[in-house]
Amino acid sequence: MRHVGLIAGAATAALVAAGAITYAVAGDDGGGRTPSAESADAGFARDMAVHHQQAVEMSYIVRDRTKDEEVRRLAYDIAQTQANQRGMMLGWLDLWGLPKVSSEPPMTWMDMGGMASGKDGALMPGMATNSEMKKLGELDAKQAEVFYLQLMTDHHKGGIHMAEGCVAKCQVGVEKRLAQGMVDAQQSEISLMADMLKERGAKPRS
């Protein structure tokens, strides 16, 4: 419980700081240049917004399936943090005057456009399939908790890979810092979820 509380406090602080700098992002460390539609900055913002949206949906599904306060608190923290970050990234695309969707495959900005087949809705690394999302919504109590923790662990691993790509390739300073913050926070949550799975007699899928 205390581990979740620490993460929640850190997430709240990160959201406040991020909100304060959202509208300055267009010129931050970029010499006043607006990123192009094909840039890593735009690609990351578009793809991670989609990736985050699934995490939000997954988290609200499990909150309806269990009464376990530890899982419900973690799910709420993840949903709130990622919904806020998603709004920021879509807001940046608006500020830059860039489209929120692309004709190119997801992950093209990382030179990995052919990596995810998109089969059954899994558009990017770590994303759950439509079948897995449906299954999560049908499980009860402990089964839902375990499956959620396993799915979210995979989701975070994929998200970390994408965020590390932005840290390496993005040019807008505040976006790179947000990406690094995602890496740090999600690595901490992966460790927490491993402990929570162990407490429930389970382990990550990979």
N, C-alpha and C. Protein backbone atom coordinates (compact mmCIF):
# COMPACT_ATOMS: atom_id res chain seq x y z
N MET A 1 0.83 -1.20 0.00
CA MET A 1 0.00 0.00 0.00
C MET A 1 0.87 1.25 0.00
N ARG A 2 1.92 1.25 0.83
CA ARG A 2 2.73 2.46 0.91
C ARG A 2 3.49 2.70 -0.38
N HIS A 3 3.83 1.62 -1.10
CA HIS A 3 4.53 1.79 -2.38
C HIS A 3 3.63 2.50 -3.38
N VAL A 4 2.35 2.11 -3.40
CA VAL A 4 1.42 2.75 -4.31
C VAL A 4 1.26 4.21 -3.94
N GLY A 5 1.22 4.51 -2.64
CA GLY A 5 1.09 5.89 -2.20
C GLY A 5 2.26 6.74 -2.64
N LEU A 6 3.48 6.19 -2.57
CA LEU A 6 4.66 6.93 -3.00
C LEU A 6 4.59 7.23 -4.49
N ILE A 7 4.19 6.23 -5.27
CA ILE A 7 4.07 6.43 -6.71
C ILE A 7 2.98 7.45 -7.01
N ALA A 8 1.88 7.39 -6.26
CA ALA A 8 0.80 8.34 -6.49
C ALA A 8 1.27 9.77 -6.23
N GLY A 9 2.04 9.96 -5.15
CA GLY A 9 2.55 11.29 -4.85
C GLY A 9 3.47 11.80 -5.93
N ALA A 10 4.34 10.92 -6.42
CA ALA A 10 5.26 11.32 -7.48
C ALA A 10 4.51 11.63 -8.76
N ALA A 11 3.48 10.84 -9.04
CA ALA A 11 2.70 11.08 -10.26
C ALA A 11 1.98 12.41 -10.19
N THR A 12 1.43 12.75 -9.01
CA THR A 12 0.73 14.02 -8.86
C THR A 12 1.68 15.19 -9.08
N ALA A 13 2.87 15.10 -8.50
CA ALA A 13 3.86 16.16 -8.68
C ALA A 13 4.25 16.31 -10.14
N ALA A 14 4.40 15.17 -10.82
CA ALA A 14 4.78 15.20 -12.23
C ALA A 14 3.69 15.84 -13.08
N LEU A 15 2.43 15.57 -12.74
CA LEU A 15 1.33 16.14 -13.52
C LEU A 15 1.26 17.65 -13.35
N VAL A 16 1.48 18.13 -12.14
CA VAL A 16 1.46 19.57 -11.89
C VAL A 16 2.57 20.26 -12.67
N ALA A 17 3.77 19.68 -12.61
CA ALA A 17 4.90 20.26 -13.34
C ALA A 17 4.67 20.22 -14.83
N ALA A 18 4.14 19.10 -15.31
CA ALA A 18 3.91 18.96 -16.74
C ALA A 18 2.87 19.94 -17.23
N GLY A 19 1.81 20.13 -16.45
CA GLY A 19 0.77 21.06 -16.85
C GLY A 19 1.27 22.49 -16.96
N ALA A 20 2.23 22.83 -16.12
CA ALA A 20 2.75 24.20 -16.12
C ALA A 20 3.57 24.51 -17.35
N ILE A 21 4.09 23.49 -18.02
CA ILE A 21 4.97 23.74 -19.16
C ILE A 21 4.38 23.32 -20.49
N THR A 22 3.15 22.81 -20.47
CA THR A 22 2.56 22.30 -21.71
C THR A 22 2.58 23.33 -22.83
N TYR A 23 2.17 24.54 -22.54
CA TYR A 23 1.97 25.51 -23.60
C TYR A 23 3.26 26.21 -24.03
N ALA A 24 4.37 25.86 -23.40
CA ALA A 24 5.65 26.41 -23.83
C ALA A 24 6.42 25.43 -24.69
N VAL A 25 5.82 24.25 -24.93
CA VAL A 25 6.58 23.16 -25.54
C VAL A 25 7.02 23.45 -26.97
N ALA A 26 6.23 24.21 -27.72
CA ALA A 26 6.51 24.37 -29.15
C ALA A 26 7.89 24.94 -29.42
N GLY A 27 8.39 25.80 -28.54
CA GLY A 27 9.70 26.39 -28.80
C GLY A 27 10.78 25.93 -27.86
N ASP A 28 10.49 24.96 -27.00
CA ASP A 28 11.45 24.57 -25.97
C ASP A 28 12.64 23.84 -26.56
N ASP A 29 13.81 24.38 -26.40
CA ASP A 29 15.06 23.75 -26.83
C ASP A 29 15.08 23.41 -28.32
N GLY A 30 14.17 23.99 -29.07
CA GLY A 30 14.11 23.66 -30.48
C GLY A 30 14.41 24.85 -31.37
N GLY A 31 14.94 25.93 -30.78
CA GLY A 31 15.27 27.10 -31.55
C GLY A 31 14.06 27.75 -32.19
N GLY A 32 12.86 27.52 -31.60
CA GLY A 32 11.65 28.11 -32.14
C GLY A 32 11.09 27.37 -33.35
N ARG A 33 11.72 26.27 -33.75
CA ARG A 33 11.27 25.52 -34.92
C ARG A 33 10.12 24.59 -34.53
N THR A 34 9.11 24.54 -35.38
CA THR A 34 8.00 23.62 -35.17
C THR A 34 8.36 22.27 -35.78
N PRO A 35 8.18 21.17 -35.03
CA PRO A 35 8.49 19.85 -35.60
C PRO A 35 7.66 19.56 -36.84
N SER A 36 8.19 18.76 -37.73
CA SER A 36 7.46 18.36 -38.92
C SER A 36 6.55 17.19 -38.60
N ALA A 37 5.61 16.92 -39.50
CA ALA A 37 4.67 15.82 -39.29
C ALA A 37 5.37 14.47 -39.26
N GLU A 38 6.55 14.37 -39.91
CA GLU A 38 7.29 13.11 -39.96
C GLU A 38 8.34 13.00 -38.86
N SER A 39 8.45 14.01 -38.01
CA SER A 39 9.49 14.02 -36.98
C SER A 39 9.23 13.00 -35.88
N ALA A 40 10.29 12.69 -35.14
CA ALA A 40 10.12 11.82 -33.97
C ALA A 40 9.22 12.46 -32.93
N ASP A 41 9.32 13.79 -32.80
CA ASP A 41 8.49 14.50 -31.82
C ASP A 41 7.01 14.28 -32.10
N ALA A 42 6.61 14.46 -33.37
CA ALA A 42 5.21 14.28 -33.74
C ALA A 42 4.82 12.81 -33.69
N GLY A 43 5.69 11.93 -34.17
CA GLY A 43 5.39 10.51 -34.18
C GLY A 43 5.19 9.97 -32.78
N PHE A 44 6.07 10.36 -31.86
CA PHE A 44 5.95 9.90 -30.48
C PHE A 44 4.65 10.41 -29.87
N ALA A 45 4.34 11.68 -30.07
CA ALA A 45 3.12 12.26 -29.50
C ALA A 45 1.89 11.52 -30.01
N ARG A 46 1.85 11.25 -31.31
CA ARG A 46 0.69 10.54 -31.88
C ARG A 46 0.59 9.11 -31.35
N ASP A 47 1.70 8.38 -31.43
CA ASP A 47 1.66 6.96 -31.07
C ASP A 47 1.47 6.76 -29.57
N MET A 48 2.14 7.57 -28.76
CA MET A 48 2.00 7.38 -27.32
C MET A 48 0.62 7.79 -26.83
N ALA A 49 -0.02 8.72 -27.52
CA ALA A 49 -1.40 9.08 -27.15
C ALA A 49 -2.32 7.88 -27.32
N VAL A 50 -2.12 7.12 -28.39
CA VAL A 50 -2.91 5.91 -28.62
C VAL A 50 -2.56 4.83 -27.59
N HIS A 51 -1.28 4.66 -27.34
CA HIS A 51 -0.80 3.67 -26.37
C HIS A 51 -1.37 3.98 -24.98
N HIS A 52 -1.30 5.26 -24.59
CA HIS A 52 -1.82 5.67 -23.29
C HIS A 52 -3.33 5.44 -23.18
N GLN A 53 -4.06 5.69 -24.25
CA GLN A 53 -5.51 5.55 -24.19
C GLN A 53 -5.91 4.13 -23.81
N GLN A 54 -5.20 3.14 -24.32
CA GLN A 54 -5.53 1.77 -23.95
C GLN A 54 -5.25 1.51 -22.47
N ALA A 55 -4.16 2.08 -21.95
CA ALA A 55 -3.84 1.90 -20.54
C ALA A 55 -4.94 2.50 -19.66
N VAL A 56 -5.47 3.64 -20.07
CA VAL A 56 -6.57 4.28 -19.33
C VAL A 56 -7.80 3.36 -19.35
N GLU A 57 -8.15 2.85 -20.52
CA GLU A 57 -9.30 1.96 -20.64
C GLU A 57 -9.12 0.70 -19.79
N MET A 58 -7.94 0.12 -19.85
CA MET A 58 -7.64 -1.09 -19.10
C MET A 58 -7.78 -0.85 -17.59
N SER A 59 -7.30 0.30 -17.16
CA SER A 59 -7.32 0.62 -15.73
C SER A 59 -8.73 0.81 -15.22
N TYR A 60 -9.58 1.45 -16.00
CA TYR A 60 -10.96 1.62 -15.55
C TYR A 60 -11.75 0.31 -15.60
N ILE A 61 -11.38 -0.58 -16.52
CA ILE A 61 -12.03 -1.90 -16.55
C ILE A 61 -11.76 -2.64 -15.25
N VAL A 62 -10.49 -2.68 -14.81
CA VAL A 62 -10.17 -3.47 -13.61
C VAL A 62 -10.76 -2.82 -12.36
N ARG A 63 -10.91 -1.51 -12.34
CA ARG A 63 -11.53 -0.86 -11.17
C ARG A 63 -12.98 -1.32 -11.00
N ASP A 64 -13.61 -1.72 -12.09
CA ASP A 64 -14.98 -2.22 -12.01
C ASP A 64 -15.05 -3.72 -11.71
N ARG A 65 -13.90 -4.40 -11.78
CA ARG A 65 -13.89 -5.85 -11.61
C ARG A 65 -13.45 -6.29 -10.22
N THR A 66 -12.82 -5.40 -9.45
CA THR A 66 -12.26 -5.80 -8.15
C THR A 66 -12.55 -4.76 -7.08
N LYS A 67 -12.55 -5.22 -5.84
CA LYS A 67 -12.69 -4.31 -4.70
C LYS A 67 -11.37 -4.16 -3.96
N ASP A 68 -10.31 -4.77 -4.47
CA ASP A 68 -9.00 -4.69 -3.82
C ASP A 68 -8.49 -3.25 -3.90
N GLU A 69 -8.28 -2.62 -2.75
CA GLU A 69 -7.93 -1.20 -2.73
C GLU A 69 -6.56 -0.92 -3.33
N GLU A 70 -5.61 -1.85 -3.16
CA GLU A 70 -4.27 -1.63 -3.70
C GLU A 70 -4.31 -1.60 -5.23
N VAL A 71 -5.02 -2.56 -5.82
CA VAL A 71 -5.12 -2.61 -7.28
C VAL A 71 -5.93 -1.42 -7.79
N ARG A 72 -7.01 -1.09 -7.10
CA ARG A 72 -7.85 0.03 -7.53
C ARG A 72 -7.08 1.35 -7.47
N ARG A 73 -6.26 1.52 -6.44
CA ARG A 73 -5.47 2.76 -6.32
C ARG A 73 -4.42 2.85 -7.42
N LEU A 74 -3.74 1.74 -7.68
CA LEU A 74 -2.73 1.73 -8.75
C LEU A 74 -3.41 2.02 -10.09
N ALA A 75 -4.53 1.36 -10.36
CA ALA A 75 -5.24 1.56 -11.63
C ALA A 75 -5.67 3.01 -11.78
N TYR A 76 -6.15 3.61 -10.70
CA TYR A 76 -6.58 5.02 -10.76
C TYR A 76 -5.40 5.93 -11.04
N ASP A 77 -4.29 5.68 -10.37
CA ASP A 77 -3.09 6.50 -10.58
C ASP A 77 -2.61 6.41 -12.03
N ILE A 78 -2.58 5.19 -12.57
CA ILE A 78 -2.13 5.01 -13.95
C ILE A 78 -3.09 5.71 -14.91
N ALA A 79 -4.40 5.54 -14.68
CA ALA A 79 -5.39 6.16 -15.56
C ALA A 79 -5.27 7.68 -15.55
N GLN A 80 -5.15 8.25 -14.36
CA GLN A 80 -5.08 9.71 -14.27
C GLN A 80 -3.79 10.26 -14.89
N THR A 81 -2.67 9.60 -14.59
CA THR A 81 -1.39 10.06 -15.12
C THR A 81 -1.36 9.98 -16.64
N GLN A 82 -1.80 8.84 -17.18
CA GLN A 82 -1.69 8.66 -18.62
C GLN A 82 -2.74 9.45 -19.38
N ALA A 83 -3.90 9.68 -18.79
CA ALA A 83 -4.90 10.53 -19.44
C ALA A 83 -4.38 11.97 -19.52
N ASN A 84 -3.73 12.43 -18.45
CA ASN A 84 -3.17 13.78 -18.45
C ASN A 84 -2.06 13.91 -19.49
N GLN A 85 -1.17 12.93 -19.52
CA GLN A 85 -0.06 12.97 -20.48
C GLN A 85 -0.59 12.89 -21.91
N ARG A 86 -1.61 12.08 -22.12
CA ARG A 86 -2.22 11.97 -23.45
C ARG A 86 -2.76 13.32 -23.90
N GLY A 87 -3.44 14.01 -23.00
CA GLY A 87 -3.96 15.33 -23.32
C GLY A 87 -2.86 16.31 -23.68
N MET A 88 -1.75 16.23 -22.95
CA MET A 88 -0.62 17.10 -23.25
C MET A 88 -0.08 16.84 -24.66
N MET A 89 0.09 15.57 -25.00
CA MET A 89 0.68 15.24 -26.30
C MET A 89 -0.24 15.64 -27.45
N LEU A 90 -1.54 15.44 -27.28
CA LEU A 90 -2.47 15.88 -28.31
C LEU A 90 -2.49 17.40 -28.39
N GLY A 91 -2.34 18.06 -27.23
CA GLY A 91 -2.27 19.51 -27.21
C GLY A 91 -1.05 20.04 -27.95
N TRP A 92 0.07 19.34 -27.80
CA TRP A 92 1.28 19.76 -28.51
C TRP A 92 1.08 19.66 -30.02
N LEU A 93 0.43 18.59 -30.47
CA LEU A 93 0.16 18.45 -31.90
C LEU A 93 -0.71 19.60 -32.40
N ASP A 94 -1.67 20.01 -31.58
CA ASP A 94 -2.49 21.17 -31.94
C ASP A 94 -1.64 22.43 -32.04
N LEU A 95 -0.77 22.64 -31.06
CA LEU A 95 0.10 23.82 -31.05
C LEU A 95 1.01 23.84 -32.28
N TRP A 96 1.45 22.68 -32.69
CA TRP A 96 2.34 22.58 -33.85
C TRP A 96 1.58 22.60 -35.17
N GLY A 97 0.24 22.54 -35.10
CA GLY A 97 -0.56 22.51 -36.32
C GLY A 97 -0.39 21.22 -37.11
N LEU A 98 -0.17 20.10 -36.38
CA LEU A 98 0.09 18.82 -37.03
C LEU A 98 -1.08 17.86 -36.83
N PRO A 99 -1.29 16.94 -37.76
CA PRO A 99 -2.40 15.98 -37.64
C PRO A 99 -2.19 15.01 -36.49
N LYS A 100 -3.29 14.56 -35.91
CA LYS A 100 -3.23 13.61 -34.80
C LYS A 100 -3.17 12.16 -35.29
N VAL A 101 -3.37 11.97 -36.58
CA VAL A 101 -3.24 10.64 -37.17
C VAL A 101 -2.30 10.73 -38.36
N SER A 102 -1.73 9.59 -38.73
CA SER A 102 -0.78 9.57 -39.83
C SER A 102 -1.11 8.41 -40.76
N SER A 103 -0.81 8.58 -42.03
CA SER A 103 -1.00 7.49 -42.99
C SER A 103 0.09 6.45 -42.86
N GLU A 104 1.17 6.80 -42.18
CA GLU A 104 2.27 5.87 -41.97
C GLU A 104 1.94 4.89 -40.84
N PRO A 105 2.50 3.67 -40.86
CA PRO A 105 2.26 2.72 -39.77
C PRO A 105 2.80 3.25 -38.44
N PRO A 106 2.20 2.84 -37.31
CA PRO A 106 2.75 3.22 -36.01
C PRO A 106 4.21 2.82 -35.90
N MET A 107 4.97 3.60 -35.16
CA MET A 107 6.39 3.35 -34.88
C MET A 107 7.31 3.68 -36.06
N THR A 108 6.76 4.26 -37.14
CA THR A 108 7.60 4.63 -38.27
C THR A 108 8.69 5.60 -37.85
N TRP A 109 8.37 6.48 -36.92
CA TRP A 109 9.35 7.48 -36.43
C TRP A 109 10.54 6.82 -35.73
N MET A 110 10.38 5.57 -35.32
CA MET A 110 11.46 4.80 -34.70
C MET A 110 12.09 3.83 -35.69
N ASP A 111 11.72 3.98 -36.98
CA ASP A 111 12.19 3.04 -38.02
C ASP A 111 11.74 1.62 -37.72
N MET A 112 10.54 1.50 -37.13
CA MET A 112 10.00 0.19 -36.76
C MET A 112 8.56 0.07 -37.24
N GLY A 113 8.25 0.71 -38.37
CA GLY A 113 6.88 0.74 -38.84
C GLY A 113 6.30 -0.62 -39.17
N GLY A 114 7.14 -1.61 -39.43
CA GLY A 114 6.63 -2.93 -39.76
C GLY A 114 6.64 -3.89 -38.59
N MET A 115 6.96 -3.39 -37.38
CA MET A 115 7.14 -4.29 -36.24
C MET A 115 5.81 -4.88 -35.75
N ALA A 116 4.80 -4.02 -35.58
CA ALA A 116 3.52 -4.49 -35.06
C ALA A 116 2.56 -4.73 -36.22
N SER A 117 1.95 -5.88 -36.24
CA SER A 117 1.05 -6.23 -37.34
C SER A 117 -0.31 -5.56 -37.20
N GLY A 118 -0.63 -5.13 -35.98
CA GLY A 118 -1.95 -4.58 -35.74
C GLY A 118 -3.01 -5.65 -35.59
N LYS A 119 -2.58 -6.92 -35.59
CA LYS A 119 -3.52 -8.03 -35.49
C LYS A 119 -4.31 -7.97 -34.19
N ASP A 120 -5.62 -8.06 -34.31
CA ASP A 120 -6.51 -8.06 -33.14
C ASP A 120 -6.33 -6.81 -32.29
N GLY A 121 -6.00 -5.70 -32.91
CA GLY A 121 -5.96 -4.42 -32.20
C GLY A 121 -4.66 -4.06 -31.53
N ALA A 122 -3.67 -4.94 -31.54
CA ALA A 122 -2.39 -4.64 -30.88
C ALA A 122 -1.52 -3.85 -31.86
N LEU A 123 -1.64 -2.52 -31.84
CA LEU A 123 -1.01 -1.67 -32.84
C LEU A 123 0.46 -1.39 -32.57
N MET A 124 0.88 -1.49 -31.31
CA MET A 124 2.24 -1.14 -30.93
C MET A 124 2.75 -2.09 -29.86
N PRO A 125 4.07 -2.10 -29.62
CA PRO A 125 4.64 -3.00 -28.62
C PRO A 125 3.95 -2.86 -27.26
N GLY A 126 3.64 -4.00 -26.67
CA GLY A 126 3.05 -4.01 -25.34
C GLY A 126 1.55 -3.86 -25.30
N MET A 127 0.94 -3.44 -26.39
CA MET A 127 -0.51 -3.23 -26.37
C MET A 127 -1.25 -4.55 -26.28
N ALA A 128 -2.34 -4.55 -25.51
CA ALA A 128 -3.18 -5.73 -25.41
C ALA A 128 -4.01 -5.88 -26.68
N THR A 129 -4.36 -7.11 -27.01
CA THR A 129 -5.24 -7.35 -28.15
C THR A 129 -6.68 -7.06 -27.75
N ASN A 130 -7.55 -6.94 -28.75
CA ASN A 130 -8.97 -6.76 -28.46
C ASN A 130 -9.52 -7.93 -27.66
N SER A 131 -9.03 -9.14 -27.97
CA SER A 131 -9.49 -10.33 -27.25
C SER A 131 -9.09 -10.27 -25.77
N GLU A 132 -7.88 -9.79 -25.51
CA GLU A 132 -7.41 -9.67 -24.12
C GLU A 132 -8.19 -8.60 -23.37
N MET A 133 -8.51 -7.51 -24.03
CA MET A 133 -9.32 -6.47 -23.38
C MET A 133 -10.71 -7.01 -23.05
N LYS A 134 -11.28 -7.77 -23.96
CA LYS A 134 -12.59 -8.37 -23.71
C LYS A 134 -12.53 -9.35 -22.53
N LYS A 135 -11.47 -10.15 -22.50
CA LYS A 135 -11.30 -11.11 -21.41
C LYS A 135 -11.18 -10.39 -20.07
N LEU A 136 -10.42 -9.30 -20.03
CA LEU A 136 -10.25 -8.54 -18.78
C LEU A 136 -11.60 -8.07 -18.26
N GLY A 137 -12.48 -7.68 -19.17
CA GLY A 137 -13.79 -7.20 -18.77
C GLY A 137 -14.75 -8.28 -18.32
N GLU A 138 -14.35 -9.53 -18.50
CA GLU A 138 -15.21 -10.65 -18.12
C GLU A 138 -14.75 -11.36 -16.85
N LEU A 139 -13.49 -11.15 -16.47
CA LEU A 139 -12.95 -11.82 -15.27
C LEU A 139 -13.44 -11.14 -14.00
N ASP A 140 -13.42 -11.88 -12.92
CA ASP A 140 -13.85 -11.35 -11.63
C ASP A 140 -12.70 -11.32 -10.63
N ALA A 141 -12.75 -10.34 -9.75
CA ALA A 141 -11.91 -10.26 -8.57
C ALA A 141 -10.44 -10.60 -8.83
N LYS A 142 -9.93 -11.63 -8.15
CA LYS A 142 -8.50 -11.93 -8.20
C LYS A 142 -8.02 -12.22 -9.62
N GLN A 143 -8.82 -12.93 -10.41
CA GLN A 143 -8.42 -13.23 -11.78
C GLN A 143 -8.23 -11.94 -12.59
N ALA A 144 -9.12 -10.99 -12.39
CA ALA A 144 -9.00 -9.71 -13.09
C ALA A 144 -7.77 -8.94 -12.61
N GLU A 145 -7.52 -8.99 -11.31
CA GLU A 145 -6.34 -8.30 -10.76
C GLU A 145 -5.06 -8.84 -11.39
N VAL A 146 -4.93 -10.16 -11.41
CA VAL A 146 -3.72 -10.79 -11.94
C VAL A 146 -3.56 -10.48 -13.42
N PHE A 147 -4.65 -10.62 -14.18
CA PHE A 147 -4.56 -10.40 -15.63
C PHE A 147 -4.23 -8.94 -15.93
N TYR A 148 -4.84 -8.03 -15.18
CA TYR A 148 -4.54 -6.61 -15.36
C TYR A 148 -3.07 -6.32 -15.08
N LEU A 149 -2.55 -6.83 -13.98
CA LEU A 149 -1.15 -6.59 -13.64
C LEU A 149 -0.21 -7.17 -14.70
N GLN A 150 -0.57 -8.32 -15.26
CA GLN A 150 0.25 -8.91 -16.33
C GLN A 150 0.16 -8.08 -17.61
N LEU A 151 -1.05 -7.69 -17.98
CA LEU A 151 -1.23 -6.88 -19.19
C LEU A 151 -0.53 -5.53 -19.05
N MET A 152 -0.67 -4.90 -17.89
CA MET A 152 -0.08 -3.58 -17.70
C MET A 152 1.44 -3.65 -17.64
N THR A 153 1.97 -4.74 -17.12
CA THR A 153 3.43 -4.92 -17.13
C THR A 153 3.93 -4.96 -18.57
N ASP A 154 3.27 -5.75 -19.42
CA ASP A 154 3.64 -5.79 -20.84
C ASP A 154 3.47 -4.43 -21.49
N HIS A 155 2.38 -3.75 -21.16
CA HIS A 155 2.07 -2.44 -21.72
C HIS A 155 3.17 -1.44 -21.36
N HIS A 156 3.58 -1.45 -20.11
CA HIS A 156 4.64 -0.55 -19.65
C HIS A 156 5.96 -0.85 -20.35
N LYS A 157 6.26 -2.13 -20.53
CA LYS A 157 7.52 -2.47 -21.21
C LYS A 157 7.54 -1.91 -22.62
N GLY A 158 6.41 -2.02 -23.32
CA GLY A 158 6.31 -1.44 -24.66
C GLY A 158 6.40 0.07 -24.62
N GLY A 159 5.74 0.67 -23.63
CA GLY A 159 5.77 2.12 -23.50
C GLY A 159 7.16 2.64 -23.19
N ILE A 160 7.90 1.92 -22.36
CA ILE A 160 9.27 2.32 -22.03
C ILE A 160 10.13 2.30 -23.29
N HIS A 161 9.95 1.27 -24.11
CA HIS A 161 10.71 1.17 -25.36
C HIS A 161 10.45 2.39 -26.24
N MET A 162 9.19 2.78 -26.35
CA MET A 162 8.83 3.94 -27.15
C MET A 162 9.38 5.23 -26.55
N ALA A 163 9.25 5.37 -25.23
CA ALA A 163 9.73 6.58 -24.57
C ALA A 163 11.24 6.71 -24.68
N GLU A 164 11.95 5.60 -24.58
CA GLU A 164 13.40 5.65 -24.77
C GLU A 164 13.75 6.09 -26.18
N GLY A 165 12.90 5.70 -27.15
CA GLY A 165 13.11 6.14 -28.52
C GLY A 165 12.98 7.64 -28.65
N CYS A 166 12.01 8.23 -27.94
CA CYS A 166 11.85 9.68 -27.96
C CYS A 166 13.03 10.37 -27.28
N VAL A 167 13.48 9.83 -26.17
CA VAL A 167 14.64 10.41 -25.49
C VAL A 167 15.82 10.49 -26.44
N ALA A 168 15.97 9.48 -27.27
CA ALA A 168 17.09 9.43 -28.21
C ALA A 168 16.87 10.27 -29.45
N LYS A 169 15.61 10.39 -29.92
CA LYS A 169 15.36 10.98 -31.22
C LYS A 169 14.64 12.32 -31.20
N CYS A 170 13.83 12.59 -30.19
CA CYS A 170 13.05 13.83 -30.18
C CYS A 170 13.96 15.04 -30.02
N GLN A 171 13.50 16.19 -30.53
CA GLN A 171 14.28 17.42 -30.49
C GLN A 171 13.74 18.44 -29.49
N VAL A 172 12.45 18.35 -29.18
CA VAL A 172 11.84 19.30 -28.25
C VAL A 172 12.18 18.89 -26.82
N GLY A 173 12.86 19.78 -26.12
CA GLY A 173 13.39 19.43 -24.80
C GLY A 173 12.36 18.96 -23.80
N VAL A 174 11.22 19.64 -23.71
CA VAL A 174 10.23 19.27 -22.70
C VAL A 174 9.60 17.92 -23.03
N GLU A 175 9.51 17.59 -24.32
CA GLU A 175 8.98 16.29 -24.70
C GLU A 175 9.97 15.18 -24.34
N LYS A 176 11.25 15.43 -24.55
CA LYS A 176 12.27 14.45 -24.16
C LYS A 176 12.23 14.22 -22.65
N ARG A 177 12.04 15.31 -21.89
CA ARG A 177 11.99 15.17 -20.43
C ARG A 177 10.74 14.42 -19.99
N LEU A 178 9.62 14.67 -20.66
CA LEU A 178 8.41 13.91 -20.34
C LEU A 178 8.65 12.43 -20.63
N ALA A 179 9.28 12.13 -21.77
CA ALA A 179 9.55 10.74 -22.14
C ALA A 179 10.44 10.06 -21.10
N GLN A 180 11.47 10.77 -20.64
CA GLN A 180 12.34 10.19 -19.61
C GLN A 180 11.57 9.97 -18.31
N GLY A 181 10.66 10.90 -17.99
CA GLY A 181 9.82 10.71 -16.81
C GLY A 181 8.93 9.49 -16.92
N MET A 182 8.44 9.22 -18.15
CA MET A 182 7.65 8.02 -18.36
C MET A 182 8.48 6.77 -18.11
N VAL A 183 9.71 6.77 -18.62
CA VAL A 183 10.60 5.63 -18.42
C VAL A 183 10.79 5.37 -16.93
N ASP A 184 11.13 6.41 -16.18
CA ASP A 184 11.41 6.25 -14.76
C ASP A 184 10.18 5.77 -13.99
N ALA A 185 9.03 6.40 -14.25
CA ALA A 185 7.81 6.05 -13.51
C ALA A 185 7.34 4.65 -13.85
N GLN A 186 7.39 4.29 -15.12
CA GLN A 186 6.87 2.98 -15.50
C GLN A 186 7.80 1.85 -15.08
N GLN A 187 9.10 2.11 -15.02
CA GLN A 187 10.01 1.10 -14.47
C GLN A 187 9.69 0.85 -13.00
N SER A 188 9.40 1.90 -12.26
CA SER A 188 9.02 1.74 -10.85
C SER A 188 7.73 0.96 -10.71
N GLU A 189 6.77 1.26 -11.58
CA GLU A 189 5.49 0.56 -11.52
C GLU A 189 5.63 -0.91 -11.92
N ILE A 190 6.52 -1.21 -12.86
CA ILE A 190 6.76 -2.62 -13.22
C ILE A 190 7.27 -3.40 -12.01
N SER A 191 8.18 -2.79 -11.25
CA SER A 191 8.70 -3.43 -10.04
C SER A 191 7.59 -3.63 -9.01
N LEU A 192 6.77 -2.61 -8.83
CA LEU A 192 5.64 -2.71 -7.91
C LEU A 192 4.68 -3.81 -8.34
N MET A 193 4.37 -3.86 -9.64
CA MET A 193 3.41 -4.86 -10.12
C MET A 193 3.96 -6.27 -10.00
N ALA A 194 5.28 -6.44 -10.12
CA ALA A 194 5.88 -7.75 -9.92
C ALA A 194 5.66 -8.22 -8.49
N ASP A 195 5.81 -7.30 -7.53
CA ASP A 195 5.55 -7.63 -6.12
C ASP A 195 4.08 -7.97 -5.90
N MET A 196 3.19 -7.20 -6.52
CA MET A 196 1.75 -7.43 -6.36
C MET A 196 1.35 -8.77 -6.97
N LEU A 197 1.96 -9.12 -8.10
CA LEU A 197 1.68 -10.43 -8.70
C LEU A 197 2.16 -11.55 -7.79
N LYS A 198 3.35 -11.39 -7.22
CA LYS A 198 3.90 -12.41 -6.32
C LYS A 198 2.99 -12.62 -5.13
N GLU A 199 2.44 -11.54 -4.60
CA GLU A 199 1.52 -11.64 -3.47
C GLU A 199 0.26 -12.43 -3.83
N ARG A 200 -0.04 -12.46 -5.13
CA ARG A 200 -1.24 -13.15 -5.61
C ARG A 200 -0.91 -14.50 -6.21
N GLY A 201 0.31 -15.00 -5.99
CA GLY A 201 0.71 -16.30 -6.47
C GLY A 201 0.90 -16.36 -7.97
N ALA A 202 1.25 -15.23 -8.58
CA ALA A 202 1.42 -15.18 -10.04
C ALA A 202 2.70 -14.45 -10.37
N LYS A 203 3.00 -14.33 -11.66
CA LYS A 203 4.18 -13.63 -12.11
C LYS A 203 3.94 -13.00 -13.47
N PRO A 204 4.78 -12.07 -13.90
CA PRO A 204 4.61 -11.47 -15.24
C PRO A 204 4.62 -12.53 -16.32
N ARG A 205 4.02 -12.23 -17.45
CA ARG A 205 3.96 -13.20 -18.55
C ARG A 205 5.29 -13.35 -19.27
N SER A 206 6.13 -12.31 -19.19
CA SER A 206 7.42 -12.38 -19.87
C SER A 206 8.47 -11.60 -19.08
